[in-house]
Amino acid sequence: MLENERSRGPNARVAQCLAALFNPQLSPGTERTLRISQEEIGHLSGLSRQRVNHALQALEKRTLLRVEHVGITVSDPPGLRSFVD
C-alpha cells in the first residue's frame, strides 16, 4: 500500500491524503473544512511543505478544494479520492 501511495505524483498524493481524512458517508451540508497545516499534510504525504503548497494550488485550480486562512475546505471529496495526476 505504501509503495503504491509513494508511486503517485505529488498532487495525487496530497489529494489522496486529504480525501482519507473524510468519512466517505458524509451527508450534504456536513462541515468540510480541515483545520490542518501544510506542514502536517507534508508529514502525512511524505512531501515538503513547499511541494504541498504547489499541489494545493493545482487542486484549487481544479475546484476540488479551497485554501483558506483557517484550513482547507474540500468542495469535492469524491473528486479528491479519484484524482490522478
N, C-alpha and C. Protein backbone atom coordinates (compact mmCIF):
# COMPACT_ATOMS: atom_id res chain seq x y z
N MET A 1 0.83 -1.18 0.00
CA MET A 1 0.00 0.00 0.00
C MET A 1 0.88 1.26 0.00
N LEU A 2 1.91 1.25 0.84
CA LEU A 2 2.81 2.40 0.92
C LEU A 2 3.54 2.62 -0.41
N GLU A 3 3.99 1.53 -1.04
CA GLU A 3 4.67 1.65 -2.33
C GLU A 3 3.73 2.25 -3.38
N ASN A 4 2.49 1.81 -3.41
CA ASN A 4 1.52 2.36 -4.34
C ASN A 4 1.30 3.84 -4.09
N GLU A 5 1.18 4.22 -2.82
CA GLU A 5 0.98 5.62 -2.45
C GLU A 5 2.16 6.48 -2.90
N ARG A 6 3.37 6.01 -2.67
CA ARG A 6 4.56 6.79 -3.00
C ARG A 6 4.85 6.84 -4.49
N SER A 7 4.25 5.94 -5.27
CA SER A 7 4.49 5.94 -6.72
C SER A 7 3.62 6.97 -7.44
N ARG A 8 2.67 7.55 -6.75
CA ARG A 8 1.81 8.58 -7.35
C ARG A 8 2.55 9.92 -7.42
N GLY A 9 2.06 10.80 -8.28
CA GLY A 9 2.62 12.14 -8.36
C GLY A 9 2.28 12.92 -7.10
N PRO A 10 2.99 14.02 -6.84
CA PRO A 10 2.77 14.78 -5.61
C PRO A 10 1.36 15.35 -5.48
N ASN A 11 0.77 15.81 -6.58
CA ASN A 11 -0.59 16.36 -6.48
C ASN A 11 -1.58 15.27 -6.08
N ALA A 12 -1.43 14.09 -6.66
CA ALA A 12 -2.31 12.97 -6.32
C ALA A 12 -2.07 12.51 -4.88
N ARG A 13 -0.83 12.55 -4.42
CA ARG A 13 -0.53 12.16 -3.03
C ARG A 13 -1.22 13.10 -2.04
N VAL A 14 -1.19 14.39 -2.32
CA VAL A 14 -1.86 15.36 -1.45
C VAL A 14 -3.38 15.15 -1.52
N ALA A 15 -3.91 14.96 -2.72
CA ALA A 15 -5.35 14.73 -2.88
C ALA A 15 -5.80 13.50 -2.10
N GLN A 16 -5.07 12.41 -2.23
CA GLN A 16 -5.41 11.17 -1.54
C GLN A 16 -5.30 11.33 -0.02
N CYS A 17 -4.30 12.06 0.42
CA CYS A 17 -4.10 12.31 1.84
C CYS A 17 -5.30 13.06 2.42
N LEU A 18 -5.72 14.12 1.74
CA LEU A 18 -6.86 14.91 2.22
C LEU A 18 -8.15 14.10 2.15
N ALA A 19 -8.35 13.35 1.08
CA ALA A 19 -9.56 12.54 0.94
C ALA A 19 -9.66 11.50 2.04
N ALA A 20 -8.52 10.96 2.46
CA ALA A 20 -8.51 9.93 3.51
C ALA A 20 -8.96 10.49 4.86
N LEU A 21 -8.91 11.80 5.03
CA LEU A 21 -9.31 12.41 6.29
C LEU A 21 -10.82 12.58 6.42
N PHE A 22 -11.56 12.26 5.34
CA PHE A 22 -13.01 12.40 5.34
C PHE A 22 -13.70 11.06 5.41
N ASN A 23 -14.82 11.02 6.12
CA ASN A 23 -15.69 9.86 6.11
C ASN A 23 -16.42 9.86 4.77
N PRO A 24 -16.31 8.79 3.98
CA PRO A 24 -16.96 8.78 2.67
C PRO A 24 -18.47 8.86 2.73
N GLN A 25 -19.07 8.65 3.90
CA GLN A 25 -20.52 8.70 4.05
C GLN A 25 -21.02 10.07 4.51
N LEU A 26 -20.23 11.13 4.27
CA LEU A 26 -20.64 12.47 4.69
C LEU A 26 -21.98 12.85 4.07
N SER A 27 -22.86 13.37 4.87
CA SER A 27 -24.13 13.82 4.33
C SER A 27 -23.99 15.24 3.80
N PRO A 28 -24.84 15.65 2.88
CA PRO A 28 -24.78 17.02 2.35
C PRO A 28 -24.89 18.03 3.48
N GLY A 29 -24.15 19.10 3.38
CA GLY A 29 -24.17 20.15 4.38
C GLY A 29 -23.21 19.92 5.54
N THR A 30 -22.53 18.78 5.55
CA THR A 30 -21.57 18.49 6.60
C THR A 30 -20.34 19.39 6.43
N GLU A 31 -19.80 19.85 7.54
CA GLU A 31 -18.60 20.69 7.51
C GLU A 31 -17.47 19.97 6.78
N ARG A 32 -16.87 20.65 5.83
CA ARG A 32 -15.81 20.06 5.03
C ARG A 32 -14.50 20.84 5.14
N THR A 33 -14.34 21.60 6.21
CA THR A 33 -13.11 22.35 6.40
C THR A 33 -12.19 21.58 7.34
N LEU A 34 -11.00 21.31 6.84
CA LEU A 34 -9.97 20.65 7.64
C LEU A 34 -9.07 21.71 8.24
N ARG A 35 -8.93 21.70 9.53
CA ARG A 35 -8.02 22.63 10.19
C ARG A 35 -6.69 21.91 10.32
N ILE A 36 -5.94 21.98 9.24
CA ILE A 36 -4.66 21.26 9.14
C ILE A 36 -3.67 22.16 8.41
N SER A 37 -2.44 22.14 8.85
CA SER A 37 -1.42 22.98 8.21
C SER A 37 -0.80 22.26 7.02
N GLN A 38 -0.17 23.02 6.17
CA GLN A 38 0.53 22.44 5.02
C GLN A 38 1.69 21.57 5.51
N GLU A 39 2.29 21.93 6.59
CA GLU A 39 3.37 21.11 7.15
C GLU A 39 2.84 19.75 7.60
N GLU A 40 1.67 19.74 8.23
CA GLU A 40 1.07 18.48 8.65
C GLU A 40 0.71 17.61 7.45
N ILE A 41 0.19 18.22 6.40
CA ILE A 41 -0.12 17.47 5.18
C ILE A 41 1.16 16.90 4.60
N GLY A 42 2.23 17.68 4.66
CA GLY A 42 3.53 17.20 4.18
C GLY A 42 4.00 15.97 4.93
N HIS A 43 3.83 15.97 6.24
CA HIS A 43 4.22 14.80 7.04
C HIS A 43 3.39 13.57 6.66
N LEU A 44 2.09 13.79 6.46
CA LEU A 44 1.21 12.67 6.12
C LEU A 44 1.46 12.12 4.71
N SER A 45 1.84 13.00 3.79
CA SER A 45 2.00 12.58 2.40
C SER A 45 3.46 12.32 2.01
N GLY A 46 4.39 12.65 2.91
CA GLY A 46 5.81 12.43 2.62
C GLY A 46 6.39 13.47 1.68
N LEU A 47 5.85 14.68 1.71
CA LEU A 47 6.31 15.77 0.83
C LEU A 47 6.73 16.97 1.67
N SER A 48 7.49 17.87 1.06
CA SER A 48 7.86 19.11 1.74
C SER A 48 6.67 20.06 1.79
N ARG A 49 6.69 20.99 2.73
CA ARG A 49 5.62 21.97 2.84
C ARG A 49 5.48 22.77 1.55
N GLN A 50 6.62 23.10 0.93
CA GLN A 50 6.58 23.87 -0.31
C GLN A 50 5.90 23.08 -1.44
N ARG A 51 6.19 21.79 -1.51
CA ARG A 51 5.58 20.96 -2.56
C ARG A 51 4.09 20.78 -2.30
N VAL A 52 3.72 20.69 -1.02
CA VAL A 52 2.30 20.61 -0.66
C VAL A 52 1.58 21.88 -1.11
N ASN A 53 2.22 23.03 -0.89
CA ASN A 53 1.64 24.30 -1.30
C ASN A 53 1.36 24.31 -2.80
N HIS A 54 2.30 23.85 -3.61
CA HIS A 54 2.11 23.80 -5.06
C HIS A 54 0.97 22.85 -5.43
N ALA A 55 0.92 21.71 -4.75
CA ALA A 55 -0.15 20.73 -5.03
C ALA A 55 -1.51 21.31 -4.66
N LEU A 56 -1.60 21.99 -3.52
CA LEU A 56 -2.87 22.59 -3.11
C LEU A 56 -3.33 23.64 -4.13
N GLN A 57 -2.39 24.42 -4.66
CA GLN A 57 -2.74 25.40 -5.68
C GLN A 57 -3.29 24.72 -6.93
N ALA A 58 -2.67 23.61 -7.33
CA ALA A 58 -3.13 22.87 -8.51
C ALA A 58 -4.52 22.28 -8.27
N LEU A 59 -4.74 21.74 -7.09
CA LEU A 59 -6.05 21.16 -6.76
C LEU A 59 -7.12 22.24 -6.64
N GLU A 60 -6.73 23.41 -6.16
CA GLU A 60 -7.66 24.53 -6.05
C GLU A 60 -8.08 25.00 -7.45
N LYS A 61 -7.16 25.03 -8.40
CA LYS A 61 -7.49 25.42 -9.78
C LYS A 61 -8.50 24.46 -10.40
N ARG A 62 -8.49 23.22 -9.96
CA ARG A 62 -9.44 22.22 -10.46
C ARG A 62 -10.75 22.23 -9.67
N THR A 63 -10.90 23.20 -8.77
CA THR A 63 -12.07 23.40 -7.91
C THR A 63 -12.41 22.20 -7.03
N LEU A 64 -11.40 21.45 -6.64
CA LEU A 64 -11.61 20.33 -5.72
C LEU A 64 -11.58 20.79 -4.27
N LEU A 65 -10.92 21.94 -4.03
CA LEU A 65 -10.80 22.46 -2.67
C LEU A 65 -10.51 23.95 -2.72
N ARG A 66 -10.59 24.58 -1.53
CA ARG A 66 -10.22 25.98 -1.37
C ARG A 66 -9.25 26.09 -0.20
N VAL A 67 -8.14 26.76 -0.43
CA VAL A 67 -7.18 27.00 0.64
C VAL A 67 -7.60 28.30 1.32
N GLU A 68 -7.82 28.22 2.62
CA GLU A 68 -8.27 29.37 3.39
C GLU A 68 -7.34 29.57 4.57
N HIS A 69 -7.48 30.70 5.21
CA HIS A 69 -6.61 31.02 6.35
C HIS A 69 -6.79 30.02 7.50
N VAL A 70 -8.00 29.56 7.71
CA VAL A 70 -8.29 28.65 8.83
C VAL A 70 -8.08 27.18 8.49
N GLY A 71 -7.83 26.88 7.25
CA GLY A 71 -7.64 25.49 6.85
C GLY A 71 -7.93 25.28 5.38
N ILE A 72 -8.38 24.08 5.06
CA ILE A 72 -8.66 23.72 3.68
C ILE A 72 -10.10 23.23 3.62
N THR A 73 -10.89 23.85 2.76
CA THR A 73 -12.27 23.43 2.57
C THR A 73 -12.34 22.58 1.32
N VAL A 74 -12.78 21.36 1.51
CA VAL A 74 -12.86 20.41 0.40
C VAL A 74 -14.26 20.51 -0.20
N SER A 75 -14.32 20.86 -1.48
CA SER A 75 -15.61 21.00 -2.15
C SER A 75 -16.03 19.73 -2.87
N ASP A 76 -15.08 18.83 -3.12
CA ASP A 76 -15.40 17.61 -3.86
C ASP A 76 -14.60 16.41 -3.33
N PRO A 77 -15.01 15.84 -2.17
CA PRO A 77 -14.27 14.70 -1.62
C PRO A 77 -14.15 13.52 -2.60
N PRO A 78 -15.23 13.13 -3.32
CA PRO A 78 -15.07 12.04 -4.28
C PRO A 78 -14.07 12.38 -5.39
N GLY A 79 -14.04 13.63 -5.80
CA GLY A 79 -13.07 14.07 -6.81
C GLY A 79 -11.64 13.93 -6.32
N LEU A 80 -11.43 14.24 -5.05
CA LEU A 80 -10.09 14.07 -4.47
C LEU A 80 -9.69 12.59 -4.44
N ARG A 81 -10.66 11.73 -4.07
CA ARG A 81 -10.36 10.30 -3.99
C ARG A 81 -9.95 9.73 -5.34
N SER A 82 -10.56 10.25 -6.40
CA SER A 82 -10.30 9.69 -7.73
C SER A 82 -9.25 10.47 -8.51
N PHE A 83 -8.68 11.53 -7.91
CA PHE A 83 -7.73 12.37 -8.63
C PHE A 83 -6.43 11.62 -8.93
N VAL A 84 -5.99 11.76 -10.14
CA VAL A 84 -4.70 11.19 -10.59
C VAL A 84 -4.01 12.25 -11.41
N ASP A 85 -2.69 12.52 -11.12
CA ASP A 85 -2.03 13.50 -11.97
C ASP A 85 -1.54 12.87 -13.23
